[in-house]
N, C-alpha and C. Protein backbone atom coordinates (compact mmCIF):
# COMPACT_ATOMS: atom_id res chain seq x y z
N UNK A 1 109.98 88.02 97.31
CA UNK A 1 110.90 88.04 98.65
C UNK A 1 110.38 89.41 99.28
N UNK A 2 110.59 89.32 100.90
CA UNK A 2 110.07 90.40 101.72
C UNK A 2 110.78 91.48 101.90
N UNK A 3 109.93 92.60 101.64
CA UNK A 3 110.53 94.27 101.24
C UNK A 3 111.64 94.43 102.38
N UNK A 4 111.54 93.95 103.51
CA UNK A 4 112.64 94.02 104.92
C UNK A 4 114.05 93.10 104.20
N UNK A 5 113.95 92.38 103.46
CA UNK A 5 115.50 91.59 102.86
C UNK A 5 115.38 92.34 102.26
N UNK A 6 114.78 93.09 101.17
CA UNK A 6 115.07 93.84 99.82
C UNK A 6 115.59 95.05 100.66
N UNK A 7 115.13 95.38 101.57
CA UNK A 7 115.75 97.03 101.91
C UNK A 7 117.06 96.70 102.68
N UNK A 8 117.19 95.58 103.31
CA UNK A 8 118.68 95.01 103.84
C UNK A 8 119.90 94.61 103.23
N UNK A 9 118.75 94.12 101.64
CA UNK A 9 120.24 93.96 100.68
C UNK A 9 120.51 95.38 100.23
N UNK A 10 119.20 96.10 99.95
CA UNK A 10 119.77 97.77 99.16
C UNK A 10 121.10 98.43 100.37
N UNK A 11 121.12 98.17 101.57
CA UNK A 11 121.69 98.67 102.49
C UNK A 11 123.36 98.37 102.54
N UNK A 12 123.06 96.87 102.40
CA UNK A 12 124.40 96.37 102.14
C UNK A 12 125.12 96.66 100.88
N UNK A 13 124.43 96.85 99.68
CA UNK A 13 124.87 97.27 98.60
C UNK A 13 125.56 98.70 98.69
N UNK A 14 124.41 99.58 99.14
CA UNK A 14 125.19 100.95 99.67
C UNK A 14 126.34 100.94 100.26
N UNK A 15 126.77 99.68 101.42
CA UNK A 15 127.89 99.82 102.08
C UNK A 15 129.04 99.58 101.61
N UNK A 16 128.89 98.64 100.84
CA UNK A 16 129.68 97.97 99.92
C UNK A 16 130.17 98.56 98.97
N UNK A 17 129.52 99.63 98.42
CA UNK A 17 129.33 100.85 97.38
C UNK A 17 130.57 101.61 97.83
N UNK A 18 130.16 102.22 98.88
CA UNK A 18 130.97 103.54 99.61
C UNK A 18 132.16 102.92 100.34
N UNK A 19 132.40 101.80 100.80
CA UNK A 19 133.73 100.96 101.25
C UNK A 19 134.52 101.12 99.95
N UNK A 20 134.14 100.49 98.48
CA UNK A 20 134.54 100.40 97.52
C UNK A 20 135.31 101.72 96.87
N UNK A 21 134.36 102.73 96.95
CA UNK A 21 134.34 104.33 97.21
C UNK A 21 136.06 104.80 97.52
N UNK A 22 135.64 104.53 98.76
CA UNK A 22 137.27 104.90 99.57
C UNK A 22 138.54 103.99 99.22
N UNK A 23 138.18 102.81 98.73
CA UNK A 23 139.24 101.79 98.14
C UNK A 23 140.09 102.21 96.68
N UNK A 24 138.90 103.28 96.17
CA UNK A 24 139.04 103.42 94.29
C UNK A 24 139.97 104.25 94.38
N UNK A 25 140.29 105.28 94.92
CA UNK A 25 141.48 106.39 95.28
C UNK A 25 141.08 107.53 94.00
N UNK A 26 139.97 107.95 94.29
CA UNK A 26 139.74 109.16 93.64
C UNK A 26 139.06 108.15 92.18
N UNK A 27 138.12 107.12 92.41
CA UNK A 27 137.88 106.04 91.06
C UNK A 27 139.12 105.83 90.13
N UNK A 28 140.19 105.76 90.61
CA UNK A 28 141.53 105.39 89.55
C UNK A 28 141.60 104.12 89.58
N UNK A 29 140.78 103.56 90.85
CA UNK A 29 141.27 102.23 90.81
C UNK A 29 140.06 101.85 89.90
N UNK A 30 140.51 100.27 89.20
CA UNK A 30 139.18 100.18 88.14
C UNK A 30 138.48 99.57 88.84
N UNK A 31 138.71 98.29 89.56
CA UNK A 31 138.14 97.30 90.37
C UNK A 31 137.02 97.73 91.19
N UNK A 32 137.39 98.09 91.97
CA UNK A 32 136.67 98.92 92.95
C UNK A 32 135.82 100.13 92.36
N UNK A 33 136.16 100.97 91.45
CA UNK A 33 135.31 101.79 90.81
C UNK A 33 133.85 101.24 89.71
N UNK A 34 134.29 99.71 89.82
CA UNK A 34 133.56 99.03 89.23
C UNK A 34 132.38 98.43 90.17
N UNK A 35 133.12 98.47 91.28
CA UNK A 35 132.34 97.78 92.54
C UNK A 35 131.23 98.93 92.71
N UNK A 36 131.90 100.18 92.51
CA UNK A 36 131.05 101.38 93.21
C UNK A 36 129.87 101.72 92.76
N UNK A 37 129.88 101.54 90.88
CA UNK A 37 128.67 101.65 90.54
C UNK A 37 127.88 100.70 90.21
N UNK A 38 128.50 99.34 90.49
CA UNK A 38 127.34 98.29 90.58
C UNK A 38 126.40 98.42 91.51
N UNK A 39 127.27 98.54 92.83
CA UNK A 39 127.17 98.45 94.30
C UNK A 39 125.47 99.92 94.16
N UNK A 40 125.98 100.78 94.23
CA UNK A 40 124.93 101.95 93.94
C UNK A 40 123.66 101.96 93.24
N UNK A 41 124.13 101.21 92.15
CA UNK A 41 122.96 100.59 90.95
C UNK A 41 122.23 99.77 91.73
N UNK A 42 122.82 98.63 92.18
CA UNK A 42 121.57 97.53 92.81
C UNK A 42 120.83 98.35 94.23
N UNK A 43 121.95 98.94 94.30
CA UNK A 43 120.81 99.78 96.06
C UNK A 43 119.67 100.55 95.64
N UNK A 44 119.49 101.17 94.71
CA UNK A 44 118.74 101.90 94.18
C UNK A 44 117.50 101.27 93.51
N UNK A 45 118.19 99.99 92.65
CA UNK A 45 117.34 99.43 92.14
C UNK A 45 116.61 98.45 93.20
N UNK A 46 117.11 97.70 94.14
CA UNK A 46 116.31 97.24 95.47
C UNK A 46 115.33 98.74 96.23
N UNK A 47 116.21 99.52 96.27
CA UNK A 47 115.36 100.11 96.80
C UNK A 47 113.85 101.21 96.53
N UNK A 48 113.93 100.95 94.86
CA UNK A 48 112.42 101.08 94.21
C UNK A 48 111.84 100.27 94.25
N UNK A 49 112.41 99.23 94.13
CA UNK A 49 111.05 97.68 94.83
C UNK A 49 110.81 97.89 96.01
N UNK A 50 111.66 98.18 97.01
CA UNK A 50 110.73 98.15 98.49
C UNK A 50 109.93 99.58 98.32
N UNK A 51 110.16 100.91 97.49
CA UNK A 51 109.35 101.50 97.35
C UNK A 51 107.36 101.15 97.07
N UNK A 52 107.71 100.50 96.55
CA UNK A 52 106.32 99.70 96.00
C UNK A 52 105.26 99.83 96.89
N UNK A 53 106.08 99.29 98.12
CA UNK A 53 105.12 98.70 99.59
C UNK A 53 105.25 99.81 100.71
N UNK A 54 106.35 100.33 100.41
CA UNK A 54 106.62 101.12 102.14
C UNK A 54 106.95 102.95 101.64
N UNK A 55 106.39 103.54 102.82
CA UNK A 55 106.31 104.81 102.22
C UNK A 55 108.31 105.18 101.72
N UNK A 56 108.16 106.40 101.16
CA UNK A 56 109.48 106.97 100.74
C UNK A 56 110.40 107.73 102.08
N UNK A 57 109.51 108.39 102.86
CA UNK A 57 110.51 108.30 104.02
C UNK A 57 110.88 107.69 104.95
N UNK A 58 110.00 106.58 105.37
CA UNK A 58 110.58 105.89 106.49
C UNK A 58 111.64 104.85 105.24
N UNK A 59 111.24 104.86 104.15
CA UNK A 59 112.63 103.77 103.44
C UNK A 59 113.96 104.76 103.01
N UNK A 60 113.83 105.89 102.94
CA UNK A 60 114.87 106.87 103.10
C UNK A 60 116.03 106.46 104.39
N UNK A 61 114.93 106.98 105.26
CA UNK A 61 115.28 107.12 106.55
C UNK A 61 116.18 105.76 107.18
N UNK A 62 115.45 104.82 106.83
CA UNK A 62 116.00 103.37 106.89
C UNK A 62 117.36 103.09 106.59
N UNK A 63 117.47 103.14 105.16
CA UNK A 63 118.40 103.08 104.44
C UNK A 63 119.68 103.93 104.97
N UNK A 64 119.79 105.47 105.14
CA UNK A 64 120.16 106.09 104.94
C UNK A 64 121.02 105.93 106.95
N UNK A 65 120.44 106.14 107.40
CA UNK A 65 120.56 105.79 108.93
C UNK A 65 121.76 104.49 108.96
N UNK A 66 120.90 103.24 108.73
CA UNK A 66 121.60 102.06 108.42
C UNK A 66 122.94 102.23 108.10
N UNK A 67 122.64 102.73 106.54
CA UNK A 67 124.37 102.79 105.92
C UNK A 67 125.40 103.78 106.81
N UNK A 68 124.47 104.98 107.31
CA UNK A 68 125.58 105.56 107.78
C UNK A 68 126.14 105.09 109.12
N UNK A 69 125.72 104.40 109.94
CA UNK A 69 126.01 103.94 110.95
C UNK A 69 126.82 102.47 111.06
N UNK A 70 126.55 101.79 109.57
CA UNK A 70 127.45 100.48 109.08
C UNK A 70 128.59 101.35 108.73
N UNK A 71 128.64 102.58 108.05
CA UNK A 71 129.94 102.87 107.58
C UNK A 71 130.58 103.64 108.57
N UNK A 72 130.22 104.06 109.57
CA UNK A 72 130.91 104.97 110.41
C UNK A 72 131.28 103.50 111.58
N UNK A 73 130.96 102.79 111.69
CA UNK A 73 131.82 101.73 111.83
C UNK A 73 132.43 100.88 111.65
N UNK A 74 132.51 100.87 110.09
CA UNK A 74 133.66 100.45 108.82
C UNK A 74 134.98 101.27 109.14
N UNK A 75 134.18 102.69 109.36
CA UNK A 75 135.81 103.99 109.27
C UNK A 75 136.33 103.21 110.35
N UNK A 76 135.91 103.23 111.64
CA UNK A 76 136.41 102.97 112.70
C UNK A 76 137.20 101.58 112.98
N UNK A 77 136.67 100.60 112.47
CA UNK A 77 137.49 99.56 112.57
C UNK A 77 138.52 99.20 111.68
N UNK A 78 137.89 99.47 110.64
CA UNK A 78 138.70 99.30 109.50
C UNK A 78 139.77 99.89 109.21
N UNK A 79 139.19 101.27 108.93
CA UNK A 79 140.06 102.51 108.54
C UNK A 79 140.63 103.25 109.76
N UNK A 80 140.68 102.79 110.76
CA UNK A 80 141.34 103.91 112.03
C UNK A 80 140.74 105.19 112.44
N UNK A 81 139.65 105.23 112.28
CA UNK A 81 139.07 106.38 112.46
C UNK A 81 138.38 106.62 113.35
N UNK A 82 138.90 107.81 114.53
CA UNK A 82 138.29 108.05 115.91
C UNK A 82 137.03 107.77 115.94
N UNK A 83 136.67 107.26 117.55
CA UNK A 83 135.57 107.04 117.35
C UNK A 83 135.30 107.95 119.02
N UNK A 84 134.87 109.37 118.33
CA UNK A 84 134.51 110.26 119.46
C UNK A 84 133.22 110.16 119.98
N UNK A 85 132.99 110.49 121.25
CA UNK A 85 131.91 111.00 121.74
C UNK A 85 130.71 111.39 120.92
N UNK A 86 131.16 112.22 120.15
CA UNK A 86 130.14 113.55 119.51
C UNK A 86 129.96 112.12 118.50
N UNK A 87 130.57 111.71 117.88
CA UNK A 87 130.23 110.61 116.79
C UNK A 87 129.69 109.74 116.89
N UNK A 88 130.00 109.02 118.12
CA UNK A 88 128.69 108.01 118.39
C UNK A 88 127.24 108.54 119.41
N UNK A 89 127.41 109.34 120.12
CA UNK A 89 125.83 110.34 120.09
C UNK A 89 125.79 110.49 119.00
N UNK A 90 125.98 111.00 117.77
CA UNK A 90 125.38 111.64 116.89
C UNK A 90 124.71 110.45 116.07
N UNK A 91 125.37 109.53 115.79
CA UNK A 91 124.76 107.85 115.32
C UNK A 91 123.02 107.96 116.37
N UNK A 92 123.50 107.80 117.12
CA UNK A 92 122.69 107.46 118.47
C UNK A 92 121.31 107.73 117.76
N UNK A 93 121.76 109.38 117.77
CA UNK A 93 120.69 110.18 117.59
C UNK A 93 119.70 110.07 116.29
N UNK A 94 120.85 109.86 115.29
CA UNK A 94 120.02 109.10 113.84
C UNK A 94 119.37 108.08 114.55
N UNK A 95 119.82 106.77 114.81
CA UNK A 95 119.05 105.37 114.95
C UNK A 95 117.56 106.36 115.43
N UNK A 96 117.79 106.82 116.66
CA UNK A 96 116.80 107.39 117.75
C UNK A 96 115.69 108.13 116.58
N UNK A 97 116.21 108.78 115.91
CA UNK A 97 115.13 109.35 114.65
C UNK A 97 114.18 108.30 113.49
N UNK A 98 114.91 107.54 113.48
CA UNK A 98 114.37 106.14 112.62
C UNK A 98 113.86 105.92 113.47
N UNK A 99 113.90 105.51 114.58
CA UNK A 99 113.05 104.16 115.45
C UNK A 99 112.05 105.37 115.50
N UNK A 100 112.00 106.84 115.70
CA UNK A 100 110.55 107.87 116.06
C UNK A 100 109.95 107.72 114.67
N UNK A 101 110.29 107.70 113.42
CA UNK A 101 109.65 107.43 112.06
C UNK A 101 108.80 106.26 112.53
N UNK A 102 109.55 105.00 112.94
CA UNK A 102 108.94 103.64 112.34
C UNK A 102 107.68 103.82 113.65
N UNK A 103 107.87 103.91 115.04
CA UNK A 103 106.82 104.52 115.66
C UNK A 103 105.65 105.15 115.11
N UNK A 104 106.09 106.40 114.83
CA UNK A 104 105.22 107.01 114.01
C UNK A 104 104.32 106.85 112.86
N UNK A 105 104.50 105.31 112.58
CA UNK A 105 103.49 105.20 111.20
C UNK A 105 104.51 105.18 110.12
N UNK A 106 105.65 105.05 109.54
CA UNK A 106 106.20 105.85 108.43
C UNK A 106 106.38 104.43 107.54
N UNK A 107 106.11 103.12 108.34
CA UNK A 107 106.46 101.48 107.57
C UNK A 107 105.49 101.69 107.05
N UNK A 108 104.21 102.05 107.30
CA UNK A 108 102.84 101.98 106.30
C UNK A 108 102.35 102.90 105.55
């Protein structure tokens, strides 16, 4: 399977695990707690596979930035968190940093 798809799946697994962490109420609810463990485990396993082909700096930057942006969006849309200018501008800077790493040749 192409590394880009594996990285995207790792990001989705991490985001699902983070949402489940929010829903677990301090890991006191068994089903969301199980999703947390499985999601993070799957995410790290997929990242380990991706790291065979791509640089660690690039992979972690994309994984963490995409996860951060998705979680922030979910927080705003699903959990009623504030969408302030500073929050949105900060997310834009994170994304710009990942683009900069990619342009600098971090993916190879």
